[in-house]
Amino acid sequence: MIKKHYSGSARRARNILWNAAGRYDFDPPFLAFFPNGAPDNYFNMVIGLAEKWFGLDRLYRFFEQYEDIRRRDEFDAYLWLGLENCLYEKEVAERPVLKSLREERAHRFFAEQANLSRQQMEYQSVPVYNQQETRWASVLGRRLPLLSAKEKKIAEALRFSGEWDLDELLDKMAAFLKEFFRYEYNPEVKNTKAPKQAGPLAKLFLRHVQKQNDCLIIRTGTGEGDHERAVQLQHGASKLHADPSEADTQYIRELFGHSYLNERDLYTLENNICTEEDADCRIWIAASSAGNPDTQNKEVLSSLEDIAKQRRKNETFFAEHAAIVRHTVTDLSTRIETVLSSYLKHLPEPSRAGRIRPEKAYRLPLLHDDRIFLKNGEETEPEICVDLLLDASMSRLNSQEAISCEAYIIAASFQKLHIPVRISQFRSLRGYTVTQILKDWKETDLRGVLGYFAGGWNRDSLALKSIAGLEDSYVTGKTRLLFIMTDASPNDTTPLAGEGLRMNREYEGAAAVKAVENAVRSIRKDGIRAGAVFHGNSGHLDDLHEIYGQSCVRIRKVTQLAQGVSDLMLMMLRELRS
């Protein structure tokens, strides 16, 4: 018998679930995680109790039937709240500890919501949030939130009784969906979609995508994310983003500010790179991290306030670590200077005297060519410029202050040696891949990088092509090095466009990794050396090497930055020479 090996938070989640179920011989179709990837112990216990009292097979078939419904995320969230109440009532007499665990879960809800940023709030469904707040407030005996008449009815309906058996439960769940959402559940209709592969190597099937809720119920997967600070963003096929609308375009303009390129150049670049698999995408190159403060769009204003708040956090973090920053800049710049000295050694060239090349000796008697020796050539000073590209997707949410600080160190180290640096951050949102220039080539002030903030998705392949396509007279004739700070987990809600008979595919997993690999190969053919500074989950290391080959280093803490970046630069220059 081949056993599955689960890692990290997934193993912890399953152990809790198995313990609650009273059996360890099945692969659960559901797991519960918080948005940051940490296992939700209480809800994993609820899932285990669902197996104990009802068996998960029929429940899974119920959830599976509305797989393709647009509001399935909300349906899931509501029904699991109902199941929580039912199973709590069934089990609390036998497990008195459930009462304290439930209260602890409620306290965590309010503690996390108090610290939730507006960017994160954008990913929540307000009606679902209201029901969650009502549930956990009632658990703690707190004052209930103000609800509409319909919301009050929903809250009451979600108090599923612990006296129901499985048939009654399924009938009540179907009745709930019909009464409040006009969804007709038909047990005779079977979902025809192919089943998802289970296990740690299967792609995650996350039931909550653009509207993340407090509890994430996942259809089998690893749920990694909290151990190495990476927040995992996953999506299902029914949540793919359509072509950007005029409202989307206006939102992007107001949130990210005016374009770095004029309209004609932006249009030309977009036509050049938004082709084939990226044909359904748009790009926006922003001149800074500032949006339009005079907008009347409340959503944009809220986001701009949150961006400003994150900048203050980055600045505070930077100030608190100023001594480490100065030391690391000195260390890294010294190492880079050593690398350049090695790279700029005299290159050998053919000569009539010097060190003989045995493999060329035949040319002397046969061709009367006496240039069969090597001598040191004249040293030349190649001009180098550096692009520093930062993944600014929601997966970087737990690392914003550290990433901005490390990016500052890298940029300052190159700038200290008079090597021009451009710093950019990228994310994907509403069908757009947005690249923001935090510091341009000729600017000397590096504080723009402290405007780094995380939010949205990440279409790495299009971001790489965007930054590589920004060729102006300033970089002409220079050796371009592109450092990308990444978690090697490309993920976007705009699908990979199909061609001919080939269907659209989701931009995630192996397909997305292949797209990024192709993009890296393409820009390297154009003479740009690309290398990765990796901050992320160990599970993505294979993807990292598939995309960037050996031109990558892993950084776990700032003390590794100087050695790692200098080693990476040496690898990139050697690759360029070869």
Protein backbone atom coordinates (compact mmCIF):
# COMPACT_ATOMS: atom_id res chain seq x y z
CA MET A 1 0.00 0.00 0.00
CA ILE A 2 1.42 3.39 -1.01
CA LYS A 3 0.99 5.98 1.69
CA LYS A 4 0.53 9.66 0.99
CA HIS A 5 2.99 11.98 2.65
CA TYR A 6 1.47 15.24 3.77
CA SER A 7 3.59 18.16 4.83
CA GLY A 8 3.38 21.12 7.17
CA SER A 9 -0.01 22.61 7.85
CA ALA A 10 -1.80 19.99 5.74
CA ARG A 11 -0.60 17.22 8.04
CA ARG A 12 -1.71 19.15 11.12
CA ALA A 13 -5.10 19.81 9.58
CA ARG A 14 -5.62 16.16 8.74
CA ASN A 15 -4.54 14.94 12.16
CA ILE A 16 -7.15 17.16 13.81
CA LEU A 17 -9.78 16.08 11.30
CA TRP A 18 -8.98 12.38 11.66
CA ASN A 19 -9.06 12.64 15.45
CA ALA A 20 -12.51 14.24 15.39
CA ALA A 21 -13.77 11.64 12.91
CA GLY A 22 -12.44 8.78 15.00
CA ARG A 23 -10.81 7.13 11.98
CA TYR A 24 -7.55 7.50 10.10
CA ASP A 25 -8.18 5.40 7.00
CA PHE A 26 -9.67 7.96 4.60
CA ASP A 27 -8.56 10.93 2.54
CA PRO A 28 -10.86 13.83 3.47
CA PRO A 29 -12.32 15.79 0.54
CA PHE A 30 -12.31 19.02 2.59
CA LEU A 31 -9.74 20.87 4.67
CA ALA A 32 -10.09 24.25 6.39
CA PHE A 33 -7.47 27.00 6.40
CA PHE A 34 -7.29 30.65 7.28
CA PRO A 35 -6.44 33.07 4.45
CA ASN A 36 -2.76 33.08 5.48
CA GLY A 37 -2.51 29.31 5.04
CA ALA A 38 -2.64 28.36 8.73
CA PRO A 39 -4.92 25.39 9.49
CA ASP A 40 -8.26 26.30 11.03
CA ASN A 41 -8.23 23.77 13.86
CA TYR A 42 -11.84 24.30 14.90
CA PHE A 43 -13.33 23.96 11.43
CA ASN A 44 -11.13 20.95 10.67
CA MET A 45 -12.65 19.41 13.78
CA VAL A 46 -16.09 20.29 12.41
CA ILE A 47 -15.25 18.53 9.14
CA GLY A 48 -14.09 15.48 11.09
CA LEU A 49 -17.34 15.48 13.08
CA ALA A 50 -19.25 15.66 9.79
CA GLU A 51 -17.55 12.43 8.78
CA LYS A 52 -18.33 10.88 12.15
CA TRP A 53 -22.04 11.76 12.17
CA PHE A 54 -22.97 11.85 8.49
CA GLY A 55 -20.14 10.58 6.32
CA LEU A 56 -18.60 13.07 3.93
CA ASP A 57 -19.47 11.27 0.70
CA ARG A 58 -23.07 12.48 0.41
CA LEU A 59 -22.19 15.92 1.72
CA TYR A 60 -19.46 16.16 -0.89
CA ARG A 61 -21.90 15.21 -3.63
CA PHE A 62 -24.26 17.94 -2.42
CA PHE A 63 -21.54 20.60 -2.60
CA GLU A 64 -20.31 19.23 -5.90
CA GLN A 65 -23.64 19.72 -7.64
CA TYR A 66 -23.40 23.51 -7.62
CA GLU A 67 -19.74 23.38 -8.64
CA ASP A 68 -20.35 25.65 -11.64
CA ILE A 69 -22.67 28.14 -9.94
CA ARG A 70 -21.25 31.66 -9.82
CA ARG A 71 -22.17 32.09 -6.13
CA ARG A 72 -20.78 28.74 -5.02
CA ASP A 73 -18.24 30.43 -2.73
CA GLU A 74 -21.03 32.07 -0.75
CA PHE A 75 -23.09 28.87 -0.75
CA ASP A 76 -20.13 27.01 0.78
CA ALA A 77 -19.59 29.62 3.47
CA TYR A 78 -23.24 29.72 4.50
CA LEU A 79 -23.68 25.95 4.57
CA TRP A 80 -20.53 25.33 6.60
CA LEU A 81 -21.77 27.83 9.17
CA GLY A 82 -24.99 25.83 9.33
CA LEU A 83 -23.09 22.55 9.62
CA GLU A 84 -20.94 24.01 12.38
CA ASN A 85 -23.99 24.71 14.53
CA CYS A 86 -25.54 21.30 13.84
CA LEU A 87 -22.38 19.36 14.67
CA TYR A 88 -21.62 21.47 17.73
CA GLU A 89 -25.04 20.66 19.18
CA LYS A 90 -24.57 16.96 18.39
CA GLU A 91 -21.12 16.66 19.94
CA VAL A 92 -20.80 19.19 22.77
CA ALA A 93 -22.30 16.90 25.39
CA GLU A 94 -19.73 14.23 24.57
CA ARG A 95 -16.86 16.71 24.05
CA PRO A 96 -17.26 19.59 26.55
CA VAL A 97 -13.96 21.02 25.28
CA LEU A 98 -15.82 22.04 22.12
CA LYS A 99 -17.33 24.98 23.97
CA SER A 100 -13.94 26.53 24.75
CA LEU A 101 -12.62 25.70 21.27
CA ARG A 102 -15.63 27.39 19.72
CA GLU A 103 -15.15 30.49 21.85
CA GLU A 104 -11.45 30.55 20.98
CA ARG A 105 -12.39 30.42 17.29
CA ALA A 106 -14.80 33.32 17.80
CA HIS A 107 -12.13 35.40 19.57
CA ARG A 108 -9.72 34.75 16.71
CA PHE A 109 -12.31 35.93 14.20
CA PHE A 110 -12.67 39.31 15.87
CA ALA A 111 -8.94 39.68 16.55
CA GLU A 112 -8.08 39.04 12.90
CA GLN A 113 -10.86 41.25 11.57
CA ALA A 114 -9.60 44.12 13.71
CA ASN A 115 -6.23 43.92 11.98
CA LEU A 116 -7.56 43.26 8.50
CA SER A 117 -6.45 45.76 5.89
CA ARG A 118 -8.83 47.31 3.40
CA GLN A 119 -7.07 45.40 0.63
CA GLN A 120 -7.94 42.17 2.39
CA MET A 121 -11.47 43.36 3.03
CA GLU A 122 -11.88 43.71 -0.74
CA TYR A 123 -11.58 39.94 -0.93
CA GLN A 124 -14.50 39.31 1.40
CA SER A 125 -18.16 38.83 0.68
CA VAL A 126 -20.00 41.35 2.86
CA PRO A 127 -23.19 39.26 3.28
CA VAL A 128 -21.12 36.23 4.31
CA TYR A 129 -19.02 38.35 6.64
CA ASN A 130 -22.19 39.64 8.32
CA GLN A 131 -23.33 36.07 8.98
CA GLN A 132 -19.93 35.09 10.35
CA GLU A 133 -19.86 38.13 12.61
CA THR A 134 -23.37 37.30 13.83
CA ARG A 135 -22.43 33.70 14.58
CA TRP A 136 -19.26 34.47 16.49
CA ALA A 137 -20.79 37.42 18.35
CA SER A 138 -23.59 35.15 19.57
CA VAL A 139 -21.03 32.56 20.68
CA LEU A 140 -19.27 35.18 22.83
CA GLY A 141 -22.46 36.85 24.01
CA ARG A 142 -21.51 40.08 22.28
CA ARG A 143 -23.85 42.63 20.80
CA LEU A 144 -25.03 41.40 17.41
CA PRO A 145 -24.35 43.47 14.28
CA LEU A 146 -27.17 45.34 12.57
CA LEU A 147 -28.75 43.10 9.96
CA SER A 148 -31.44 43.57 7.36
CA ALA A 149 -34.67 41.61 7.69
CA LYS A 150 -33.45 39.05 5.16
CA GLU A 151 -30.09 38.70 6.87
CA LYS A 152 -31.83 38.06 10.18
CA LYS A 153 -33.84 35.26 8.56
CA ILE A 154 -30.65 33.78 7.07
CA ALA A 155 -28.91 33.90 10.45
CA GLU A 156 -31.81 32.08 12.07
CA ALA A 157 -32.00 29.53 9.25
CA LEU A 158 -28.29 28.76 9.63
CA ARG A 159 -28.83 27.45 13.15
CA PHE A 160 -29.03 23.92 11.82
CA SER A 161 -30.39 21.62 14.50
CA GLY A 162 -28.29 18.94 16.10
CA GLU A 163 -31.33 16.67 16.09
CA TRP A 164 -31.35 16.26 12.30
CA ASP A 165 -30.13 13.08 10.63
CA LEU A 166 -28.37 13.18 7.25
CA ASP A 167 -31.53 13.11 5.11
CA GLU A 168 -33.11 15.92 7.12
CA LEU A 169 -29.88 17.91 6.94
CA LEU A 170 -29.64 17.62 3.16
CA ASP A 171 -33.31 18.58 2.78
CA LYS A 172 -32.79 21.65 4.97
CA MET A 173 -29.65 22.65 3.06
CA ALA A 174 -31.53 22.39 -0.23
CA ALA A 175 -34.46 24.35 1.21
CA PHE A 176 -32.08 27.04 2.48
CA LEU A 177 -30.56 27.56 -0.97
CA LYS A 178 -33.99 27.63 -2.62
CA GLU A 179 -35.55 30.08 -0.16
CA PHE A 180 -32.78 32.63 -0.01
CA PHE A 181 -30.97 32.21 -3.33
CA ARG A 182 -33.59 30.61 -5.61
CA TYR A 183 -31.26 27.73 -6.32
CA GLU A 184 -33.04 24.48 -7.08
CA TYR A 185 -31.06 21.53 -5.80
CA ASN A 186 -31.80 18.35 -7.76
CA PRO A 187 -30.18 15.20 -6.34
CA GLU A 188 -30.87 13.38 -9.60
CA VAL A 189 -28.54 15.69 -11.54
CA LYS A 190 -24.90 14.73 -11.30
CA ASN A 191 -21.98 17.02 -11.84
CA THR A 192 -20.24 15.97 -15.03
CA LYS A 193 -16.96 17.69 -14.36
CA ALA A 194 -13.91 15.48 -14.09
CA PRO A 195 -12.96 14.77 -10.47
CA LYS A 196 -9.97 16.60 -9.06
CA GLN A 197 -6.87 14.60 -8.29
CA ALA A 198 -6.36 14.35 -4.55
CA GLY A 199 -3.18 14.31 -2.57
CA PRO A 200 -0.24 16.57 -1.83
CA LEU A 201 0.86 16.82 -5.45
CA ALA A 202 -2.58 17.70 -6.73
CA LYS A 203 -3.43 21.31 -7.42
CA LEU A 204 -5.40 22.97 -4.67
CA PHE A 205 -9.06 23.50 -5.37
CA LEU A 206 -9.89 26.51 -3.27
CA ARG A 207 -13.55 27.25 -2.88
CA HIS A 208 -12.99 30.92 -2.15
CA VAL A 209 -11.27 33.09 -4.71
CA GLN A 210 -12.01 36.73 -5.37
CA LYS A 211 -14.28 36.83 -2.32
CA GLN A 212 -12.14 35.23 0.35
CA ASN A 213 -13.88 34.60 3.62
CA ASP A 214 -12.56 34.04 7.10
CA CYS A 215 -12.61 30.27 6.79
CA LEU A 216 -11.30 28.69 3.63
CA ILE A 217 -12.70 25.24 2.92
CA ILE A 218 -10.35 23.53 0.49
CA ARG A 219 -11.04 20.51 -1.68
CA THR A 220 -8.01 18.36 -0.75
CA GLY A 221 -4.57 19.90 -1.02
CA THR A 222 -1.54 20.90 0.98
CA GLY A 223 -2.73 24.24 2.25
CA GLU A 224 0.88 25.37 2.68
CA GLY A 225 1.39 29.01 3.37
CA ASP A 226 1.98 30.01 6.95
CA HIS A 227 5.26 28.22 7.65
CA GLU A 228 7.32 30.31 5.22
CA ARG A 229 5.15 33.43 5.20
CA ALA A 230 3.58 32.78 1.79
CA VAL A 231 -0.17 33.25 1.43
CA GLN A 232 -1.47 30.82 -1.17
CA LEU A 233 -3.97 32.13 -3.71
CA GLN A 234 -5.82 29.45 -5.65
CA HIS A 235 -8.88 29.44 -7.82
CA GLY A 236 -11.37 27.24 -9.63
CA ALA A 237 -12.37 27.24 -13.26
CA SER A 238 -15.63 29.14 -12.73
CA LYS A 239 -13.79 32.14 -11.30
CA LEU A 240 -11.79 33.08 -14.39
CA HIS A 241 -11.80 36.78 -15.14
CA ALA A 242 -13.50 38.02 -18.28
CA ASP A 243 -12.11 40.69 -20.62
CA PRO A 244 -11.54 43.97 -18.75
CA SER A 245 -14.49 46.35 -18.97
CA GLU A 246 -14.36 50.14 -19.21
CA ALA A 247 -15.09 50.23 -15.47
CA ASP A 248 -12.08 47.98 -14.86
CA THR A 249 -9.89 50.27 -16.96
CA GLN A 250 -11.04 53.34 -15.06
CA TYR A 251 -10.44 51.56 -11.75
CA ILE A 252 -6.86 50.70 -12.76
CA ARG A 253 -6.16 54.27 -13.88
CA GLU A 254 -7.45 55.78 -10.66
CA LEU A 255 -5.84 53.27 -8.32
CA PHE A 256 -2.36 53.18 -9.90
CA GLY A 257 -2.05 56.63 -11.43
CA HIS A 258 -0.97 57.92 -14.84
CA SER A 259 0.95 55.81 -17.33
CA TYR A 260 4.73 55.65 -17.44
CA LEU A 261 4.46 55.42 -21.23
CA ASN A 262 2.56 57.65 -23.57
CA GLU A 263 -0.62 56.21 -25.00
CA ARG A 264 0.94 55.20 -28.30
CA ASP A 265 3.95 53.42 -26.73
CA LEU A 266 1.73 51.63 -24.21
CA TYR A 267 -0.56 50.48 -27.02
CA THR A 268 2.43 49.25 -29.04
CA LEU A 269 3.94 47.36 -26.10
CA GLU A 270 0.59 45.78 -25.26
CA ASN A 271 0.15 44.60 -28.85
CA ASN A 272 3.66 43.17 -28.84
CA ILE A 273 3.42 41.13 -25.66
CA CYS A 274 -0.30 40.43 -25.05
CA THR A 275 -0.33 37.68 -27.65
CA GLU A 276 -0.90 33.92 -27.77
CA GLU A 277 -1.56 32.72 -24.20
CA ASP A 278 -1.76 36.32 -22.91
CA ALA A 279 -4.09 37.47 -25.68
CA ASP A 280 -6.96 38.13 -23.26
CA CYS A 281 -4.85 40.34 -20.97
CA ARG A 282 -4.15 44.06 -20.77
CA ILE A 283 -1.14 45.81 -19.28
CA TRP A 284 -0.67 49.07 -17.41
CA ILE A 285 2.73 50.61 -16.69
CA ALA A 286 2.36 53.09 -13.84
CA ALA A 287 4.81 55.89 -13.25
CA SER A 288 4.71 55.59 -9.45
CA SER A 289 2.86 53.93 -6.58
CA ALA A 290 0.46 56.87 -6.26
CA GLY A 291 -3.11 56.79 -7.53
CA ASN A 292 -5.66 59.56 -7.94
CA PRO A 293 -6.48 61.06 -4.51
CA ASP A 294 -9.28 63.16 -6.05
CA THR A 295 -11.27 60.15 -7.25
CA GLN A 296 -14.89 59.78 -6.24
CA ASN A 297 -14.58 55.99 -6.22
CA LYS A 298 -14.85 54.95 -2.56
CA GLU A 299 -13.23 51.59 -3.28
CA VAL A 300 -10.19 53.30 -4.77
CA LEU A 301 -9.98 55.80 -1.90
CA SER A 302 -10.07 52.98 0.64
CA SER A 303 -7.29 51.17 -1.19
CA LEU A 304 -5.17 54.31 -1.40
CA GLU A 305 -5.54 54.80 2.35
CA ASP A 306 -4.44 51.23 2.89
CA ILE A 307 -1.45 51.69 0.58
CA ALA A 308 -0.40 54.76 2.59
CA LYS A 309 -0.79 52.78 5.81
CA GLN A 310 1.45 50.00 4.47
CA ARG A 311 4.07 52.54 3.42
CA ARG A 312 4.19 53.84 6.99
CA LYS A 313 4.69 50.26 8.22
CA ASN A 314 7.52 49.76 5.71
CA GLU A 315 9.16 53.02 6.79
CA THR A 316 8.91 52.06 10.46
CA PHE A 317 10.40 48.63 9.78
CA PHE A 318 13.20 50.23 7.76
CA ALA A 319 14.01 52.73 10.52
CA GLU A 320 14.07 49.99 13.16
CA HIS A 321 16.56 47.98 11.09
CA ALA A 322 18.68 50.91 9.84
CA ALA A 323 21.92 49.54 11.29
CA ILE A 324 21.43 46.15 9.65
CA VAL A 325 20.56 47.86 6.36
CA ARG A 326 23.76 49.93 6.38
CA HIS A 327 25.91 46.93 7.23
CA THR A 328 24.31 44.73 4.57
CA VAL A 329 24.60 47.43 1.89
CA THR A 330 28.32 47.71 2.64
CA ASP A 331 28.75 43.94 2.57
CA LEU A 332 26.75 43.42 -0.63
CA SER A 333 28.35 46.31 -2.53
CA THR A 334 31.80 44.98 -1.63
CA ARG A 335 30.86 41.52 -2.87
CA ILE A 336 29.37 42.93 -6.09
CA GLU A 337 32.58 44.90 -6.69
CA THR A 338 34.58 41.69 -6.26
CA VAL A 339 32.29 39.88 -8.72
CA LEU A 340 32.72 42.66 -11.27
CA SER A 341 36.48 42.60 -10.83
CA SER A 342 36.47 38.88 -11.54
CA TYR A 343 34.12 39.28 -14.46
CA LEU A 344 36.22 42.10 -15.94
CA LYS A 345 39.51 40.16 -15.89
CA HIS A 346 41.52 40.26 -19.06
CA LEU A 347 39.86 38.00 -21.58
CA PRO A 348 42.22 35.79 -23.59
CA GLU A 349 42.51 36.47 -27.31
CA PRO A 350 44.35 34.77 -30.19
CA SER A 351 48.02 35.79 -30.57
CA ARG A 352 51.30 34.89 -32.31
CA ALA A 353 52.95 34.36 -28.92
CA GLY A 354 51.85 33.32 -25.46
CA ARG A 355 50.14 30.16 -24.20
CA ILE A 356 49.71 27.57 -26.96
CA ARG A 357 46.30 26.16 -27.81
CA PRO A 358 47.00 22.46 -28.64
CA GLU A 359 43.68 22.04 -30.43
CA LYS A 360 44.70 24.79 -32.88
CA ALA A 361 48.31 23.63 -33.47
CA TYR A 362 47.36 21.90 -36.76
CA ARG A 363 46.69 25.33 -38.32
CA LEU A 364 50.39 26.29 -38.32
CA PRO A 365 51.73 23.67 -40.82
CA LEU A 366 48.48 23.28 -42.78
CA LEU A 367 47.22 26.82 -43.03
CA HIS A 368 50.36 28.75 -42.10
CA ASP A 369 48.31 30.41 -39.37
CA ASP A 370 50.62 31.36 -36.53
CA ARG A 371 47.82 32.75 -34.29
CA ILE A 372 47.66 29.52 -32.29
CA PHE A 373 48.56 31.12 -28.97
CA LEU A 374 46.54 32.98 -26.35
CA LYS A 375 47.42 36.19 -24.57
CA ASN A 376 45.49 38.40 -22.20
CA GLY A 377 43.33 40.84 -24.07
CA GLU A 378 42.68 44.44 -23.22
CA GLU A 379 40.28 44.96 -20.36
CA THR A 380 37.05 46.71 -21.34
CA GLU A 381 34.46 48.28 -19.06
CA PRO A 382 31.01 46.97 -20.00
CA GLU A 383 28.08 49.14 -19.02
CA ILE A 384 25.64 47.34 -16.72
CA CYS A 385 22.15 48.34 -15.63
CA VAL A 386 19.91 46.45 -13.22
CA ASP A 387 16.14 45.93 -13.17
CA LEU A 388 14.78 44.87 -9.78
CA LEU A 389 11.27 43.44 -10.19
CA LEU A 390 9.16 42.70 -7.10
CA ASP A 391 6.23 40.29 -6.99
CA ALA A 392 3.57 42.38 -5.22
CA SER A 393 0.68 39.91 -5.28
CA MET A 394 -1.44 39.00 -2.27
CA SER A 395 0.80 35.96 -1.67
CA ARG A 396 3.43 38.42 -0.36
CA LEU A 397 1.03 39.80 2.24
CA ASN A 398 2.96 38.46 5.24
CA SER A 399 6.34 39.75 4.00
CA GLN A 400 5.73 43.30 2.79
CA GLU A 401 8.01 45.13 5.23
CA ALA A 402 10.87 42.63 4.81
CA ILE A 403 10.64 42.62 0.99
CA SER A 404 10.67 46.42 0.75
CA CYS A 405 13.70 46.55 3.06
CA GLU A 406 15.61 43.85 1.16
CA ALA A 407 14.81 45.48 -2.18
CA TYR A 408 16.21 48.76 -0.81
CA ILE A 409 19.43 46.98 0.22
CA ILE A 410 19.90 45.42 -3.23
CA ALA A 411 19.24 48.68 -5.04
CA ALA A 412 21.44 50.73 -2.70
CA SER A 413 24.32 48.28 -3.14
CA PHE A 414 24.30 48.63 -6.93
CA GLN A 415 23.78 52.35 -6.75
CA LYS A 416 26.79 52.69 -4.42
CA LEU A 417 28.90 51.29 -7.28
CA HIS A 418 27.30 53.74 -9.75
CA ILE A 419 25.35 50.95 -11.46
CA PRO A 420 21.94 52.27 -12.59
CA VAL A 421 18.95 50.54 -10.98
CA ARG A 422 15.25 50.60 -11.79
CA ILE A 423 12.84 49.19 -9.20
CA SER A 424 9.36 47.98 -10.15
CA GLN A 425 6.55 46.02 -8.54
CA PHE A 426 3.87 44.04 -10.33
CA ARG A 427 0.49 42.45 -9.74
CA SER A 428 -2.52 41.35 -11.78
CA LEU A 429 -5.96 42.77 -11.14
CA ARG A 430 -9.22 42.82 -13.11
CA GLY A 431 -7.59 41.44 -16.25
CA TYR A 432 -4.66 43.90 -16.12
CA THR A 433 -1.05 43.10 -15.31
CA VAL A 434 0.10 46.30 -13.61
CA THR A 435 3.78 47.22 -13.35
CA GLN A 436 4.62 50.21 -11.15
CA ILE A 437 7.94 51.99 -11.40
CA LEU A 438 8.98 52.70 -7.82
CA LYS A 439 12.36 54.17 -8.86
CA ASP A 440 13.49 54.98 -12.38
CA TRP A 441 17.00 54.72 -13.83
CA LYS A 442 18.13 58.29 -13.31
CA GLU A 443 16.57 58.79 -9.89
CA THR A 444 18.88 58.58 -6.90
CA ASP A 445 16.25 58.56 -4.14
CA LEU A 446 15.55 54.94 -3.18
CA ARG A 447 12.68 55.65 -0.79
CA GLY A 448 10.17 54.87 -3.51
CA VAL A 449 10.69 51.17 -2.78
CA LEU A 450 9.15 51.74 0.65
CA GLY A 451 5.87 52.23 -1.22
CA TYR A 452 5.81 48.49 -1.89
CA PHE A 453 2.49 46.83 -1.01
CA ALA A 454 0.89 43.46 -1.72
CA GLY A 455 -2.48 42.83 -3.33
CA GLY A 456 -4.04 41.06 -6.31
CA TRP A 457 -2.70 38.14 -8.36
CA ASN A 458 0.59 37.59 -10.19
CA ARG A 459 0.99 36.87 -13.91
CA ASP A 460 4.77 36.60 -13.78
CA SER A 461 5.22 35.83 -17.47
CA LEU A 462 3.49 39.00 -18.64
CA ALA A 463 5.20 41.12 -15.97
CA LEU A 464 8.62 39.89 -17.12
CA LYS A 465 7.79 40.65 -20.74
CA SER A 466 6.46 44.07 -19.74
CA ILE A 467 9.61 45.14 -17.91
CA ALA A 468 11.85 43.65 -20.60
CA GLY A 469 9.90 45.59 -23.22
CA LEU A 470 10.63 48.93 -21.55
CA GLU A 471 13.72 49.52 -23.64
CA ASP A 472 14.57 53.18 -23.94
CA SER A 473 17.65 55.06 -25.05
CA TYR A 474 19.00 54.90 -21.51
CA VAL A 475 19.57 51.13 -21.63
CA THR A 476 20.61 50.87 -25.27
CA GLY A 477 23.97 49.17 -25.56
CA LYS A 478 24.10 48.24 -21.88
CA THR A 479 24.18 44.78 -20.35
CA ARG A 480 20.78 44.36 -18.66
CA LEU A 481 20.46 42.24 -15.53
CA LEU A 482 16.95 41.52 -14.27
CA PHE A 483 16.53 40.38 -10.66
CA ILE A 484 13.03 39.24 -9.74
CA MET A 485 12.04 38.78 -6.09
CA THR A 486 9.47 36.00 -6.28
CA ASP A 487 7.82 33.01 -4.62
CA ALA A 488 7.78 31.07 -7.93
CA SER A 489 4.01 30.60 -7.68
CA PRO A 490 2.45 32.34 -10.71
CA ASN A 491 -1.33 32.60 -10.36
CA ASP A 492 -3.90 34.73 -12.17
CA THR A 493 -7.65 34.71 -12.73
CA THR A 494 -7.36 35.61 -16.42
CA PRO A 495 -6.90 32.28 -18.20
CA LEU A 496 -4.25 31.24 -20.65
CA ALA A 497 -5.95 31.90 -23.95
CA GLY A 498 -6.58 28.89 -26.16
CA GLU A 499 -5.78 28.74 -29.84
CA GLY A 500 -7.63 26.84 -32.52
CA LEU A 501 -9.24 23.79 -30.94
CA ARG A 502 -7.29 24.19 -27.70
CA MET A 503 -9.45 25.33 -24.79
CA ASN A 504 -8.57 28.10 -22.36
CA ARG A 505 -6.61 26.89 -19.33
CA GLU A 506 -6.35 28.37 -15.87
CA TYR A 507 -3.23 30.40 -15.17
CA GLU A 508 -1.97 28.35 -12.25
CA GLY A 509 0.07 25.26 -11.52
CA ALA A 510 2.21 23.62 -14.20
CA ALA A 511 0.64 25.59 -17.06
CA ALA A 512 1.51 28.92 -15.44
CA VAL A 513 5.03 27.76 -14.56
CA LYS A 514 5.57 26.77 -18.20
CA ALA A 515 4.34 30.18 -19.35
CA VAL A 516 6.86 31.92 -17.06
CA GLU A 517 9.64 29.59 -18.21
CA ASN A 518 8.86 30.51 -21.82
CA ALA A 519 8.90 34.22 -20.94
CA VAL A 520 12.31 33.91 -19.23
CA ARG A 521 13.69 32.02 -22.22
CA SER A 522 12.36 34.70 -24.55
CA ILE A 523 13.88 37.67 -22.73
CA ARG A 524 17.19 35.84 -22.37
CA LYS A 525 17.27 35.42 -26.14
CA ASP A 526 16.97 39.19 -26.32
CA GLY A 527 20.13 39.53 -24.26
CA ILE A 528 18.59 40.21 -20.85
CA ARG A 529 19.94 38.05 -18.03
CA ALA A 530 17.14 37.08 -15.63
CA GLY A 531 17.67 35.61 -12.16
CA ALA A 532 15.42 35.03 -9.16
CA VAL A 533 15.75 35.93 -5.49
CA PHE A 534 13.38 33.39 -3.98
CA HIS A 535 11.21 34.03 -0.91
CA GLY A 536 8.62 31.33 -0.66
CA ASN A 537 7.35 27.90 0.15
CA SER A 538 9.68 24.91 -0.19
CA GLY A 539 7.02 23.24 -2.30
CA HIS A 540 7.76 25.70 -5.12
CA LEU A 541 11.52 25.07 -5.33
CA ASP A 542 11.10 22.66 -8.26
CA ASP A 543 9.07 25.31 -10.09
CA LEU A 544 11.76 27.89 -9.29
CA HIS A 545 14.48 25.79 -10.94
CA GLU A 546 12.24 24.88 -13.85
CA ILE A 547 11.71 28.57 -14.59
CA TYR A 548 15.13 30.06 -13.87
CA GLY A 549 17.47 27.07 -14.08
CA GLN A 550 20.50 27.63 -11.87
CA SER A 551 20.13 31.41 -11.91
CA CYS A 552 18.33 31.64 -8.58
CA VAL A 553 19.08 31.89 -4.88
CA ARG A 554 16.92 31.35 -1.84
CA ILE A 555 16.87 34.02 0.87
CA ARG A 556 15.33 33.18 4.25
CA LYS A 557 16.68 36.15 6.21
CA VAL A 558 18.43 39.43 5.53
CA THR A 559 21.81 38.14 6.71
CA GLN A 560 21.84 35.81 3.68
CA LEU A 561 21.15 38.63 1.23
CA ALA A 562 24.71 39.77 0.51
CA GLN A 563 26.07 36.30 -0.20
CA GLY A 564 22.98 35.22 -2.13
CA VAL A 565 22.65 38.22 -4.44
CA SER A 566 26.39 38.39 -5.19
CA ASP A 567 26.41 34.67 -6.01
CA LEU A 568 23.39 35.14 -8.24
CA MET A 569 25.02 38.03 -10.07
CA LEU A 570 28.14 35.96 -10.69
CA MET A 571 25.99 33.15 -12.13
CA MET A 572 24.18 35.60 -14.41
CA LEU A 573 27.40 37.16 -15.71
CA ARG A 574 28.96 33.77 -16.34
CA GLU A 575 25.83 32.79 -18.27
CA LEU A 576 26.13 36.00 -20.28
CA ARG A 577 29.78 35.33 -21.11
CA SER A 578 29.08 31.74 -22.19
